[in-house]
N, C-alpha and C. Protein backbone atom coordinates (compact mmCIF):
# COMPACT_ATOMS: atom_id res chain seq x y z
N MET A 1 1.22 27.51 66.19
CA MET A 1 1.08 26.91 64.77
C MET A 1 1.31 27.62 63.62
N PRO A 2 1.24 28.86 63.35
CA PRO A 2 1.49 29.74 61.99
C PRO A 2 2.99 29.84 62.24
N ALA A 3 3.64 29.94 63.29
CA ALA A 3 5.21 30.07 63.01
C ALA A 3 5.77 28.81 62.70
N ARG A 4 5.19 27.51 63.27
CA ARG A 4 5.77 26.13 62.44
C ARG A 4 5.49 26.21 60.88
N PHE A 5 4.08 26.67 60.61
CA PHE A 5 4.03 26.57 59.16
C PHE A 5 4.91 27.55 58.30
N LEU A 6 5.00 28.88 58.91
CA LEU A 6 6.05 29.69 58.22
C LEU A 6 7.37 29.11 58.33
N THR A 7 7.96 28.73 59.21
CA THR A 7 9.25 27.83 59.17
C THR A 7 9.39 26.83 58.20
N ARG A 8 8.39 25.86 58.19
CA ARG A 8 8.49 24.98 57.18
C ARG A 8 8.43 25.37 55.74
N PHE A 9 7.55 26.62 55.39
CA PHE A 9 7.28 27.26 54.22
C PHE A 9 8.75 27.72 53.71
N VAL A 10 9.29 28.42 54.72
CA VAL A 10 10.81 29.08 54.27
C VAL A 10 11.68 27.89 54.03
N LEU A 11 11.84 26.86 54.99
CA LEU A 11 12.83 25.60 54.59
C LEU A 11 12.54 25.44 53.34
N ARG A 12 11.26 25.14 53.14
CA ARG A 12 11.10 24.34 51.76
C ARG A 12 11.22 25.18 50.48
N LEU A 13 11.30 26.70 50.60
CA LEU A 13 11.45 27.38 49.67
C LEU A 13 12.91 27.61 49.37
N VAL A 14 13.73 27.96 50.70
CA VAL A 14 15.14 27.84 50.78
C VAL A 14 15.88 26.85 50.06
N SER A 15 15.30 25.37 50.39
CA SER A 15 15.85 24.30 49.73
C SER A 15 15.62 24.19 48.08
N ILE A 16 14.47 24.43 47.65
CA ILE A 16 14.45 24.61 46.19
C ILE A 16 14.97 25.72 45.45
N LEU A 17 15.13 26.73 46.36
CA LEU A 17 16.12 27.78 45.78
C LEU A 17 17.56 27.08 45.50
N ALA A 18 18.00 26.72 46.46
CA ALA A 18 19.22 26.09 46.48
C ALA A 18 19.57 25.19 45.33
N ALA A 19 18.66 24.48 45.21
CA ALA A 19 18.62 23.15 44.10
C ALA A 19 18.74 23.89 42.57
N VAL A 20 17.82 24.97 42.66
CA VAL A 20 17.96 25.78 41.50
C VAL A 20 19.42 26.32 41.27
N LEU A 21 19.84 26.82 42.53
CA LEU A 21 21.09 27.63 42.11
C LEU A 21 22.23 26.58 41.88
N LEU A 22 22.17 25.47 42.36
CA LEU A 22 23.22 24.51 42.18
C LEU A 22 23.11 23.79 40.52
N ALA A 23 21.84 23.85 39.97
CA ALA A 23 21.54 23.40 38.57
C ALA A 23 22.35 24.62 37.75
N ALA A 24 21.98 25.64 38.20
CA ALA A 24 22.36 26.76 37.19
C ALA A 24 23.85 26.71 37.37
N SER A 25 24.58 26.85 38.32
CA SER A 25 26.11 27.00 38.49
C SER A 25 26.49 25.68 37.50
N SER A 26 25.95 24.26 37.67
CA SER A 26 26.44 23.31 37.10
C SER A 26 26.35 23.65 35.63
N GLY A 27 25.28 24.25 35.02
CA GLY A 27 24.86 24.41 33.85
C GLY A 27 26.25 25.72 33.35
N ALA A 28 26.46 26.54 34.07
CA ALA A 28 27.56 27.67 33.86
C ALA A 28 29.01 26.90 33.61
N ALA A 29 28.97 25.90 34.48
CA ALA A 29 30.44 25.07 34.51
C ALA A 29 30.42 24.34 33.19
N TRP A 30 29.47 23.69 32.90
CA TRP A 30 29.27 23.08 31.68
C TRP A 30 29.51 24.07 30.43
N ALA A 31 29.24 25.35 30.60
CA ALA A 31 29.40 26.27 29.30
C ALA A 31 30.75 26.57 29.52
N ILE A 32 31.52 26.79 30.48
CA ILE A 32 32.91 27.09 30.58
C ILE A 32 33.84 25.98 30.00
N VAL A 33 33.41 24.55 30.35
CA VAL A 33 34.21 23.56 29.80
C VAL A 33 34.01 23.37 28.27
N ALA A 34 32.66 23.61 27.67
CA ALA A 34 32.56 23.58 26.20
C ALA A 34 33.19 24.75 25.73
N ILE A 35 33.48 25.78 26.18
CA ILE A 35 34.01 26.96 25.50
C ILE A 35 35.46 26.69 25.40
N MET A 36 36.02 26.05 26.82
CA MET A 36 37.67 25.67 26.70
C MET A 36 38.11 24.58 25.73
N LEU A 37 36.88 23.43 25.57
CA LEU A 37 37.37 22.69 24.58
C LEU A 37 36.82 22.95 23.24
N ARG A 38 36.21 23.82 22.96
CA ARG A 38 35.54 24.44 21.67
C ARG A 38 34.66 23.58 20.98
N ASN A 39 33.92 22.68 22.02
CA ASN A 39 32.77 21.94 21.16
C ASN A 39 31.40 22.08 22.32
N GLU A 40 30.50 21.32 21.94
CA GLU A 40 29.26 21.36 22.90
C GLU A 40 29.49 20.73 24.24
N ALA A 41 30.46 19.77 24.44
CA ALA A 41 30.65 18.94 25.78
C ALA A 41 29.46 18.26 26.05
N ALA A 42 28.80 17.74 25.25
CA ALA A 42 27.34 17.31 25.88
C ALA A 42 27.58 15.94 27.04
N TRP A 43 29.03 15.61 26.99
CA TRP A 43 29.04 14.60 28.20
C TRP A 43 28.90 15.35 29.36
N MET A 44 29.00 16.91 29.45
CA MET A 44 28.87 17.28 30.73
C MET A 44 27.54 17.19 31.15
N ALA A 45 26.57 16.65 30.26
CA ALA A 45 25.28 16.39 31.16
C ALA A 45 25.21 15.59 32.36
N LEU A 46 26.16 14.64 32.25
CA LEU A 46 26.42 13.73 33.54
C LEU A 46 26.69 14.47 34.74
N PRO A 47 27.75 15.20 34.85
CA PRO A 47 28.06 15.70 36.19
C PRO A 47 26.74 16.97 36.37
N ALA A 48 26.33 17.18 35.48
CA ALA A 48 25.02 18.07 35.77
C ALA A 48 23.84 17.05 36.39
N ALA A 49 23.61 16.06 35.87
CA ALA A 49 22.71 14.85 36.57
C ALA A 49 23.15 14.74 37.85
N LEU A 50 24.32 14.32 38.24
CA LEU A 50 24.93 14.16 39.44
C LEU A 50 24.55 15.46 40.51
N ALA A 51 24.72 16.57 39.90
CA ALA A 51 24.45 17.80 40.75
C ALA A 51 23.12 18.09 41.01
N ALA A 52 22.15 17.68 39.93
CA ALA A 52 20.69 17.85 39.98
C ALA A 52 20.18 16.84 41.09
N VAL A 53 20.75 15.70 41.05
CA VAL A 53 20.48 14.45 42.15
C VAL A 53 20.76 14.95 43.55
N VAL A 54 21.94 15.71 43.67
CA VAL A 54 22.35 16.34 44.99
C VAL A 54 21.33 17.47 45.50
N GLY A 55 20.98 18.35 44.48
CA GLY A 55 20.24 19.36 44.77
C GLY A 55 18.86 19.07 45.04
N ALA A 56 18.26 17.86 44.20
CA ALA A 56 16.82 17.32 44.72
C ALA A 56 17.04 16.60 46.20
N SER A 57 17.89 16.01 46.34
CA SER A 57 18.20 15.21 47.88
C SER A 57 17.91 16.23 48.76
N GLY A 58 18.40 17.30 48.56
CA GLY A 58 18.40 18.26 49.85
C GLY A 58 17.00 19.03 50.14
N MET A 59 15.81 18.71 48.94
CA MET A 59 14.65 19.32 49.06
C MET A 59 14.01 18.90 50.62
N VAL A 60 13.57 19.87 51.23
CA VAL A 60 13.01 19.51 52.40
C VAL A 60 11.49 18.95 52.38
N ARG A 61 10.99 17.82 53.10
CA ARG A 61 9.76 17.43 53.09
C ARG A 61 9.21 16.97 51.74
N ALA A 62 10.37 16.73 50.81
CA ALA A 62 9.53 16.34 49.48
C ALA A 62 9.53 14.90 49.41
N VAL A 63 8.40 14.24 48.96
CA VAL A 63 8.30 12.62 48.61
C VAL A 63 8.98 12.22 47.39
N ARG A 64 9.05 11.06 47.47
CA ARG A 64 9.74 10.17 46.17
C ARG A 64 9.67 10.77 45.03
N TRP A 65 8.36 10.81 44.52
CA TRP A 65 8.14 11.31 42.95
C TRP A 65 8.54 12.77 42.86
N GLN A 66 8.54 13.51 43.64
CA GLN A 66 8.70 15.06 43.91
C GLN A 66 10.38 15.15 43.67
N ARG A 67 10.92 14.56 44.23
CA ARG A 67 12.46 14.73 44.13
C ARG A 67 13.08 14.14 43.05
N ALA A 68 12.09 12.90 42.33
CA ALA A 68 12.62 12.37 40.94
C ALA A 68 12.29 13.41 40.05
N LEU A 69 11.01 14.16 40.03
CA LEU A 69 10.73 15.09 39.19
C LEU A 69 11.74 16.35 39.08
N ALA A 70 11.84 16.70 40.27
CA ALA A 70 12.80 17.90 40.49
C ALA A 70 14.24 17.68 39.88
N ALA A 71 14.65 16.43 40.03
CA ALA A 71 16.01 15.90 39.67
C ALA A 71 16.46 16.10 38.08
N GLY A 72 14.98 15.52 37.68
CA GLY A 72 15.09 15.37 36.02
C GLY A 72 14.94 16.91 35.23
N LEU A 73 14.16 17.88 36.00
CA LEU A 73 13.94 18.92 35.79
C LEU A 73 15.13 19.88 35.97
N LEU A 74 15.83 19.69 36.98
CA LEU A 74 16.92 20.40 37.27
C LEU A 74 18.27 20.01 36.28
N CYS A 75 18.26 18.96 35.89
CA CYS A 75 19.09 18.72 34.83
C CYS A 75 18.96 19.27 33.53
N LEU A 76 17.74 19.12 33.19
CA LEU A 76 17.32 19.78 31.92
C LEU A 76 17.60 21.56 32.07
N LEU A 77 17.45 22.12 33.31
CA LEU A 77 17.68 23.40 33.43
C LEU A 77 19.13 23.64 33.29
N ALA A 78 19.84 22.87 34.00
CA ALA A 78 21.41 23.09 33.82
C ALA A 78 21.63 22.63 32.21
N ALA A 79 21.05 21.99 31.33
CA ALA A 79 21.38 21.71 29.81
C ALA A 79 21.32 23.10 29.12
N ALA A 80 19.86 23.62 29.72
CA ALA A 80 19.54 24.72 28.99
C ALA A 80 20.29 26.01 29.24
N ILE A 81 20.68 26.11 30.62
CA ILE A 81 21.59 27.31 30.76
C ILE A 81 22.93 27.13 30.12
N ALA A 82 23.41 26.13 29.99
CA ALA A 82 24.68 25.81 29.47
C ALA A 82 24.57 25.97 27.84
N LEU A 83 23.44 25.54 27.20
CA LEU A 83 23.47 25.65 25.71
C LEU A 83 23.08 27.07 25.82
N TYR A 84 22.28 27.81 26.38
CA TYR A 84 22.20 29.32 26.16
C TYR A 84 23.21 30.04 26.21
N LEU A 85 24.24 29.91 27.13
CA LEU A 85 25.39 30.54 27.24
C LEU A 85 26.29 30.13 26.13
N GLN A 86 26.29 28.96 25.69
CA GLN A 86 27.19 28.68 24.63
C GLN A 86 26.62 29.55 23.23
N ALA A 87 25.39 29.51 23.04
CA ALA A 87 24.80 30.18 21.74
C ALA A 87 25.03 31.68 21.77
N GLY A 88 24.89 32.39 23.27
CA GLY A 88 25.14 33.54 23.31
C GLY A 88 26.85 33.79 22.91
N LEU A 89 27.38 33.24 23.57
CA LEU A 89 29.01 33.46 23.09
C LEU A 89 29.50 33.08 21.70
N LEU A 90 28.41 32.06 21.36
CA LEU A 90 28.89 32.11 19.67
C LEU A 90 28.45 33.04 18.87
N ILE A 91 27.45 33.49 19.23
CA ILE A 91 26.50 34.88 18.66
C ILE A 91 27.67 36.10 18.76
N ALA A 92 28.04 36.33 20.16
CA ALA A 92 28.86 37.57 20.33
C ALA A 92 30.29 37.49 19.80
N GLY A 93 30.77 36.12 19.54
CA GLY A 93 32.29 35.94 18.99
C GLY A 93 31.95 35.93 17.37
N GLY A 94 31.03 35.59 16.62
CA GLY A 94 30.98 35.78 15.48
C GLY A 94 30.47 37.05 14.65
N LEU A 95 29.88 37.87 15.68
CA LEU A 95 29.24 39.37 15.47
C LEU A 95 30.23 40.18 16.02
N GLY A 96 31.07 39.95 16.56
CA GLY A 96 32.02 40.89 17.47
C GLY A 96 31.45 41.91 18.47
N LEU A 97 30.34 41.45 18.95
CA LEU A 97 29.50 42.29 19.99
C LEU A 97 29.88 41.87 21.33
N ASP A 98 29.31 42.61 22.21
CA ASP A 98 29.68 42.50 23.53
C ASP A 98 28.68 41.31 24.10
N VAL A 99 29.30 40.59 24.76
CA VAL A 99 28.65 39.24 25.39
C VAL A 99 27.49 39.54 26.36
N PHE A 100 27.53 40.51 27.15
CA PHE A 100 26.49 40.63 28.01
C PHE A 100 25.10 41.45 27.19
N ASP A 101 25.36 42.18 26.31
CA ASP A 101 24.64 42.72 25.39
C ASP A 101 23.87 41.41 24.75
N VAL A 102 24.83 40.68 24.00
CA VAL A 102 24.18 39.50 23.35
C VAL A 102 23.24 38.77 24.26
N LEU A 103 23.74 38.40 25.38
CA LEU A 103 22.69 37.51 26.35
C LEU A 103 21.58 38.17 26.75
N ALA A 104 21.70 39.27 26.98
CA ALA A 104 20.29 39.98 27.32
C ALA A 104 19.37 40.34 26.14
N THR A 105 19.84 40.21 24.94
CA THR A 105 18.88 40.48 23.78
C THR A 105 18.39 39.11 23.03
N THR A 106 19.28 38.14 23.14
CA THR A 106 19.00 36.83 22.43
C THR A 106 17.99 36.36 23.25
N GLY A 107 16.94 36.03 22.19
CA GLY A 107 15.70 35.25 22.75
C GLY A 107 16.05 33.82 22.87
N ALA A 108 15.26 33.18 23.67
CA ALA A 108 15.34 31.82 23.89
C ALA A 108 15.10 31.05 22.92
N GLU A 109 14.21 31.37 21.70
CA GLU A 109 13.88 30.44 20.63
C GLU A 109 15.07 30.58 19.86
N MET A 110 15.59 31.79 19.51
CA MET A 110 16.88 31.80 18.72
C MET A 110 18.10 31.02 19.23
N ALA A 111 18.46 31.24 20.50
CA ALA A 111 19.39 30.37 21.42
C ALA A 111 19.03 29.18 21.46
N GLY A 112 17.97 28.59 21.41
CA GLY A 112 17.70 27.25 21.51
C GLY A 112 17.58 26.61 20.20
N ALA A 113 17.26 27.22 19.06
CA ALA A 113 17.44 26.73 17.72
C ALA A 113 18.98 26.62 17.35
N LEU A 114 19.57 27.66 17.76
CA LEU A 114 21.18 27.70 17.43
C LEU A 114 21.92 26.11 18.30
N ALA A 115 21.43 26.14 19.40
CA ALA A 115 22.06 25.17 20.25
C ALA A 115 21.76 23.89 19.74
N LEU A 116 20.49 23.70 19.29
CA LEU A 116 19.87 22.45 18.97
C LEU A 116 20.49 21.91 17.47
N ALA A 117 20.56 22.75 16.72
CA ALA A 117 21.41 22.90 15.26
C ALA A 117 22.88 22.37 15.54
N ARG A 118 23.54 22.70 16.51
CA ARG A 118 25.00 22.55 16.72
C ARG A 118 24.91 20.81 17.29
N LEU A 119 23.92 20.68 18.15
CA LEU A 119 24.04 19.20 18.72
C LEU A 119 23.62 18.13 17.71
N SER A 120 24.16 16.98 17.62
CA SER A 120 23.83 15.93 17.07
C SER A 120 22.68 15.24 17.71
N ALA A 121 21.88 14.19 17.10
CA ALA A 121 20.67 13.83 17.65
C ALA A 121 21.14 12.71 18.89
N LEU A 122 22.39 12.07 18.65
CA LEU A 122 23.00 11.18 19.69
C LEU A 122 23.13 12.14 20.93
N GLU A 123 23.75 13.50 20.85
CA GLU A 123 23.97 14.26 21.91
C GLU A 123 22.86 14.70 22.56
N GLN A 124 21.89 14.90 21.76
CA GLN A 124 20.66 15.30 22.36
C GLN A 124 20.05 14.04 23.20
N ALA A 125 19.87 12.90 22.53
CA ALA A 125 19.54 11.87 23.47
C ALA A 125 20.29 11.56 24.70
N GLY A 126 21.51 11.92 24.51
CA GLY A 126 22.48 11.58 25.64
C GLY A 126 21.97 12.89 26.93
N ILE A 127 21.59 13.89 26.43
CA ILE A 127 21.24 15.02 27.63
C ILE A 127 19.89 14.23 28.28
N ILE A 128 19.12 13.92 27.43
CA ILE A 128 17.64 13.43 27.75
C ILE A 128 17.83 12.10 28.46
N ALA A 129 18.76 11.22 28.35
CA ALA A 129 19.01 10.03 29.18
C ALA A 129 19.62 10.52 30.37
N CYS A 130 20.44 11.45 30.40
CA CYS A 130 21.07 11.76 31.71
C CYS A 130 19.85 12.60 32.89
N ALA A 131 19.01 13.40 32.11
CA ALA A 131 17.93 13.79 32.79
C ALA A 131 16.95 12.67 33.53
N LEU A 132 16.80 11.59 32.71
CA LEU A 132 16.22 10.32 33.20
C LEU A 132 16.95 9.54 34.22
N LEU A 133 18.36 9.66 34.03
CA LEU A 133 19.11 8.93 34.96
C LEU A 133 19.07 9.67 36.29
N ALA A 134 19.09 11.10 36.06
CA ALA A 134 18.78 11.75 37.42
C ALA A 134 17.65 11.46 38.21
N ALA A 135 16.54 11.49 37.29
CA ALA A 135 15.44 11.20 37.99
C ALA A 135 15.19 9.74 38.57
N GLY A 136 16.05 8.88 37.91
CA GLY A 136 15.94 7.49 38.56
C GLY A 136 16.79 7.34 39.72
N MET A 137 17.98 8.18 39.81
CA MET A 137 18.75 8.16 40.93
C MET A 137 18.08 8.67 42.06
N ALA A 138 17.45 10.05 41.76
CA ALA A 138 16.75 10.64 42.88
C ALA A 138 15.47 9.63 43.34
N TRP A 139 14.90 8.99 42.54
CA TRP A 139 13.88 8.10 42.86
C TRP A 139 14.28 6.82 43.92
N ARG A 140 15.51 6.44 43.64
CA ARG A 140 16.01 5.46 44.25
C ARG A 140 16.69 5.76 45.75
N GLN A 141 17.11 7.01 45.87
CA GLN A 141 17.73 7.75 46.86
C GLN A 141 16.76 8.13 47.58
N ALA A 142 15.51 8.71 47.45
CA ALA A 142 14.55 9.14 48.32
C ALA A 142 13.92 8.25 49.11
N ARG A 143 13.60 8.24 50.49
CA ARG A 143 12.65 7.26 51.31
C ARG A 143 11.62 7.98 51.54
N PRO A 144 10.49 7.06 51.31
CA PRO A 144 9.19 7.66 51.44
C PRO A 144 9.14 8.23 52.86
N ARG A 145 8.30 9.00 53.19
CA ARG A 145 8.22 9.75 54.28
C ARG A 145 7.24 9.17 55.30
N ALA A 146 7.57 9.15 56.45
CA ALA A 146 6.88 8.41 57.45
C ALA A 146 5.51 9.37 57.77
N ALA A 147 4.43 8.63 58.06
CA ALA A 147 3.38 9.44 58.36
C ALA A 147 3.42 10.29 59.68
N PRO A 148 2.86 11.36 59.81
CA PRO A 148 3.34 12.09 61.06
C PRO A 148 2.14 11.52 62.32
């Protein structure tokens, strides 16, 4: 019995970690696209939402509301990572500093304020709408768990 519990716990932990890593990588890809296009590329919230749904669908033994909540939070995590990287690169480019030093020392408050100042209200609403879309897609995709 304890071995079965430990196996389930490890599987659940690995599935959550995989979902977080997928969201982080979609946020990094979003930042790269934004740097290449020289704007915030808020439309990249939609691919991040799809990646969040895929990540949430792989969560082991999660019920419908847990997958929906996870998908929404993973989409917002991808947006936060993308906007943090964009703010760090903007600061590093403007001041002529090393990117890694700037990313290590920039606080979340400063990066968040800079990112939100560069986004319009419509882009902010679009990012939130994509997070809600991801939650809705995960809700519809998830099947209720059968009682054991």
